[in-house]
Protein backbone atom coordinates (compact mmCIF):
# COMPACT_ATOMS: atom_id res chain seq x y z
CA MET A 1 180.18 212.98 -43.61
CA ALA A 2 181.52 215.70 -41.14
CA ILE A 3 178.61 217.99 -41.95
CA GLN A 4 176.18 215.28 -41.22
CA GLU A 5 177.77 214.61 -37.90
CA ARG A 6 177.63 218.32 -37.03
CA LEU A 7 174.04 218.33 -38.09
CA SER A 8 173.30 215.49 -35.88
CA ALA A 9 174.85 216.79 -32.81
CA ALA A 10 173.07 220.24 -33.24
CA LEU A 11 169.80 218.06 -33.58
CA HIS A 12 170.49 216.26 -30.40
CA GLU A 13 171.00 219.65 -28.59
CA ARG A 14 167.63 220.81 -29.62
CA ILE A 15 166.05 217.58 -28.70
CA ALA A 16 167.62 217.69 -25.28
CA ARG A 17 166.43 221.21 -24.72
CA THR A 18 162.86 220.29 -25.68
CA LEU A 19 162.80 217.29 -23.21
CA GLY A 20 164.88 218.93 -20.41
CA TRP A 21 167.33 216.18 -20.80
CA SER A 22 171.15 216.20 -20.97
CA VAL A 23 172.64 215.62 -24.72
CA ARG A 24 174.24 212.40 -23.46
CA GLU A 25 170.83 210.90 -22.45
CA THR A 26 169.39 211.74 -25.82
CA GLN A 27 172.28 209.88 -27.46
CA GLY A 28 171.14 206.63 -25.67
CA LEU A 29 167.85 206.50 -27.95
CA SER A 30 167.32 206.35 -31.68
CA LEU A 31 166.14 209.32 -33.64
CA LEU A 32 162.85 207.65 -34.33
CA MET A 33 162.34 206.93 -30.53
CA LEU A 34 163.22 210.77 -29.75
CA ARG A 35 160.89 211.80 -32.50
CA GLU A 36 157.86 210.28 -30.62
CA LEU A 37 159.06 211.72 -27.43
CA VAL A 38 159.18 215.41 -28.74
CA ARG A 39 156.16 214.96 -31.02
CA ASP A 40 153.71 216.61 -28.33
CA LYS A 41 156.15 219.19 -27.19
CA ASP A 42 157.52 220.41 -30.53
CA PRO A 43 155.70 219.03 -33.65
CA THR A 44 157.85 221.14 -35.95
CA LEU A 45 161.03 219.38 -34.61
CA ALA A 46 159.33 216.00 -34.91
CA ARG A 47 158.52 216.66 -38.64
CA GLU A 48 162.23 217.81 -39.17
CA ILE A 49 163.44 214.67 -37.65
CA THR A 50 161.12 212.65 -40.02
CA ARG A 51 162.36 214.63 -42.92
CA GLY A 52 166.08 214.13 -41.89
CA VAL A 53 165.88 210.46 -41.48
CA GLN A 54 164.09 209.92 -44.84
CA THR A 55 166.53 211.96 -46.73
CA GLY A 56 169.55 210.49 -44.97
CA GLU A 57 170.56 213.92 -43.74
CA TYR A 58 170.76 212.67 -40.13
CA ILE A 59 173.11 209.71 -39.67
CA LEU A 60 173.85 208.35 -36.38
CA GLU A 61 176.81 205.95 -35.71
CA PRO A 62 177.05 204.25 -32.42
CA ALA A 63 179.60 205.99 -30.25
CA PRO A 64 182.12 203.85 -28.28
CA PRO A 65 181.00 203.46 -24.71
CA PRO A 66 182.56 205.86 -22.18
CA GLN A 67 185.54 204.77 -20.13
CA LEU A 68 184.94 202.34 -17.02
CA TRP A 69 185.61 203.98 -13.68
CA HIS A 70 185.83 202.50 -10.02
CA ALA A 71 185.06 204.16 -6.88
CA ILE A 72 187.38 202.83 -4.52
CA GLU A 73 188.08 202.92 -0.69
CA ILE A 74 191.63 202.40 0.36
CA PHE A 75 192.59 200.74 3.60
CA PRO A 76 196.15 201.15 4.55
CA SER A 77 198.31 198.19 5.53
CA THR A 78 198.51 196.68 8.98
CA PRO A 79 201.03 194.33 10.68
CA LYS A 80 198.53 191.50 9.82
CA ARG A 81 197.06 192.61 6.49
CA PRO A 82 198.57 194.31 3.38
CA VAL A 83 197.02 197.30 1.80
CA ARG A 84 193.59 196.81 0.29
CA HIS A 85 191.64 198.66 -2.37
CA VAL A 86 187.86 197.86 -2.24
CA VAL A 87 185.77 198.66 -5.27
CA VAL A 88 182.77 200.25 -3.96
CA GLY A 89 181.01 200.85 -7.21
CA SER A 90 181.61 201.06 -10.90
CA PHE A 91 180.33 203.37 -13.73
CA ARG A 92 181.12 204.90 -17.04
CA ALA A 93 182.24 208.48 -17.53
CA GLY A 94 183.71 210.49 -20.35
CA SER A 95 186.50 212.16 -18.14
CA ARG A 96 188.24 211.99 -14.85
CA GLU A 97 186.41 215.39 -13.70
CA GLU A 98 183.14 213.77 -14.56
CA ALA A 99 184.06 210.46 -12.87
CA GLU A 100 185.13 212.33 -9.72
CA ASP A 101 181.79 214.25 -9.65
CA VAL A 102 179.86 210.94 -9.99
CA THR A 103 181.79 209.35 -7.01
CA ALA A 104 181.20 212.66 -4.97
CA ARG A 105 177.48 212.45 -5.67
CA ARG A 106 176.94 208.76 -5.21
CA TRP A 107 179.20 208.15 -2.33
CA PRO A 108 179.50 211.43 -0.50
CA ARG A 109 181.91 210.25 2.20
CA ARG A 110 185.71 211.11 2.64
CA GLY A 111 188.55 208.88 1.42
CA LEU A 112 187.01 207.58 -1.64
CA GLU A 113 189.24 207.57 -4.74
CA THR A 114 188.11 207.36 -8.44
CA ARG A 115 190.48 205.33 -10.79
CA THR A 116 190.03 203.84 -14.09
CA ALA A 117 189.65 200.17 -14.79
CA ARG A 118 193.08 200.31 -16.31
CA GLU A 119 194.77 201.81 -13.41
CA VAL A 120 193.22 199.11 -10.97
CA LYS A 121 194.44 196.56 -13.30
CA GLU A 122 197.92 197.88 -13.15
CA TRP A 123 197.86 197.86 -9.45
CA GLN A 124 196.99 194.27 -9.46
CA GLU A 125 199.81 193.38 -11.98
CA ARG A 126 202.39 195.37 -9.98
CA GLY A 127 201.45 193.77 -6.69
CA LEU A 128 200.55 197.12 -5.00
CA GLY A 129 197.73 195.73 -2.97
CA ALA A 130 194.78 193.52 -3.09
CA VAL A 131 191.67 194.67 -4.92
CA GLU A 132 188.26 193.56 -3.59
CA ILE A 133 184.74 194.19 -4.80
CA TYR A 134 182.36 195.53 -2.11
CA ASP A 135 179.45 193.04 -1.43
CA PRO A 136 176.32 195.19 -0.53
CA HIS A 137 174.86 191.88 0.97
CA ARG A 138 177.61 191.18 3.41
CA ARG A 139 176.46 190.85 7.12
CA ILE A 140 175.71 193.97 8.81
CA THR A 141 177.66 194.87 11.84
CA PRO A 142 175.89 195.62 15.17
CA GLU A 143 176.88 199.24 15.11
CA LYS A 144 175.53 199.58 11.56
CA ALA A 145 172.26 197.86 12.55
CA ALA A 146 171.63 200.10 15.67
CA LYS A 147 170.66 203.17 13.42
CA PRO A 148 167.70 205.10 14.98
CA LYS A 149 164.32 204.65 13.08
CA PRO A 150 163.17 207.77 11.22
CA THR A 151 160.45 209.79 12.83
CA GLY A 152 157.56 211.81 11.52
CA PRO A 153 154.74 210.95 9.31
CA ARG A 154 155.29 208.21 6.73
CA PRO A 155 155.13 209.51 3.14
CA LYS A 156 151.85 208.97 1.23
CA ARG A 157 151.53 206.10 -1.19
CA LYS A 158 151.01 207.21 -4.75
CA SER A 159 147.57 206.62 -6.07
CA GLU A 160 148.59 204.45 -9.01
CA THR A 161 149.20 200.79 -8.06
CA TYR A 162 152.51 199.28 -9.28
CA GLN A 163 150.69 196.85 -11.39
CA ALA A 164 148.69 199.56 -13.24
CA ALA A 165 151.84 201.60 -13.86
CA LYS A 166 153.51 198.42 -15.39
CA GLU A 167 150.75 197.84 -17.68
CA ARG A 168 150.58 201.62 -18.61
CA LEU A 169 154.33 201.74 -19.45
CA LEU A 170 154.20 198.55 -21.31
CA ASN A 171 151.49 199.93 -23.52
CA GLN A 172 153.30 203.27 -24.13
CA LEU A 173 156.63 201.41 -24.84
CA ARG A 174 154.87 199.19 -27.40
CA ALA A 175 153.46 202.23 -29.02
CA LEU A 176 156.98 203.69 -29.41
CA GLY A 177 158.06 200.70 -31.38
CA TRP A 178 159.55 198.46 -28.50
CA GLN A 179 158.92 194.70 -28.60
CA THR A 180 156.89 193.70 -25.30
CA ARG A 181 155.83 190.60 -23.63
CA PRO A 182 153.16 191.70 -21.23
CA ASP A 183 151.71 188.04 -20.88
CA LEU A 184 154.70 186.83 -18.95
CA LYS A 185 155.00 186.37 -15.06
CA PHE A 186 157.67 188.92 -15.24
CA PRO A 187 157.03 191.05 -18.57
CA TRP A 188 159.64 192.76 -20.47
CA ALA A 189 160.10 195.31 -23.26
CA LYS A 190 163.04 195.08 -25.62
CA HIS A 191 164.62 198.22 -27.34
CA PRO A 192 164.11 198.26 -31.09
CA ASP A 193 167.63 199.54 -31.83
CA HIS A 194 169.75 198.52 -28.97
CA ASP A 195 170.53 195.17 -27.34
CA PHE A 196 168.87 195.58 -23.90
CA ARG A 197 165.70 194.92 -22.22
CA VAL A 198 163.52 196.60 -19.47
CA ASN A 199 162.53 193.69 -17.17
CA PHE A 200 159.41 194.46 -14.87
CA LYS A 201 159.77 192.50 -11.60
CA THR A 202 157.29 192.25 -8.90
CA GLN A 203 158.20 195.64 -7.29
CA ALA A 204 161.19 196.60 -9.27
CA VAL A 205 162.43 197.51 -12.83
CA TYR A 206 165.73 196.29 -14.35
CA LEU A 207 167.76 197.07 -17.39
CA ASN A 208 168.88 193.69 -18.27
CA ASP A 209 170.13 192.47 -14.95
CA HIS A 210 170.77 195.94 -13.36
CA SER A 211 168.16 197.54 -11.12
CA LEU A 212 167.06 201.07 -11.99
CA TRP A 213 166.12 201.92 -8.44
CA ILE A 214 163.06 203.82 -9.37
CA ASP A 215 159.29 203.98 -8.30
CA ILE A 216 157.25 203.92 -11.49
CA ARG A 217 153.92 204.62 -9.96
CA GLY A 218 152.68 207.97 -11.41
CA MET A 219 155.82 208.27 -13.49
CA THR A 220 155.34 209.54 -17.03
CA ILE A 221 156.76 207.84 -19.97
CA GLU A 222 159.29 210.72 -20.50
CA GLU A 223 160.53 210.35 -16.95
CA PHE A 224 160.85 206.67 -17.30
CA MET A 225 162.66 206.91 -20.81
CA GLN A 226 165.01 209.52 -19.20
CA HIS A 227 166.02 206.86 -16.53
CA VAL A 228 166.47 204.17 -18.99
CA ALA A 229 168.59 206.34 -21.26
CA HIS A 230 170.75 207.34 -18.33
CA ALA A 231 171.23 203.71 -17.14
CA ALA A 232 171.99 202.45 -20.61
CA ASN A 233 174.79 205.11 -21.02
CA VAL A 234 176.20 204.28 -17.60
CA ARG A 235 176.43 200.61 -18.35
CA GLY A 236 177.63 201.14 -21.96
CA PHE A 237 174.63 199.50 -23.81
């Protein structure tokens, strides 16, 4: 079993180099799915994956999801209000160093702390301050609403329409083995090996109920799959 695990890890490293992804992103997809993605770039590697799966040489077991982390803004206590811990965002990461790096990149402002979900729960149990979830839809204050409008030429719209991109990606996902429902008002594609769906809304794409925040017009299937794999790892799917 140990030999099979080492072979599988080495294989994912080769696939990641071929696709230009990280190893973690490749681990969010099945070997059969990865085989189709590398087929055009490295046919020899695709054939090796096929042989390995057929002989049982490559055995993948689902790894436990990375630890859940919170990016927190701490407001000190005042005479009228106790200390508050506001959860600005949540994500999964494998280590504290990686989690702090995610916080620094996503919320590049001073004073933001990175804590595990267990640490936040301990704060609540010990009564060290209220923990609140940041609401991105809360009313905007006048000073925030007064930001100057951007100047300069507006970016050119991609030549492909959103509808055309949606139909193209659904066809490509179906060719990769996904279950698709293009006939619905909001079509979706379900991963063949994992319990999650990609939902195509009017002008947005969701992984289950979580927006991917991407523009699919002109996006290749490889780029699209990379976004899906990254989001699936962050959410622990």
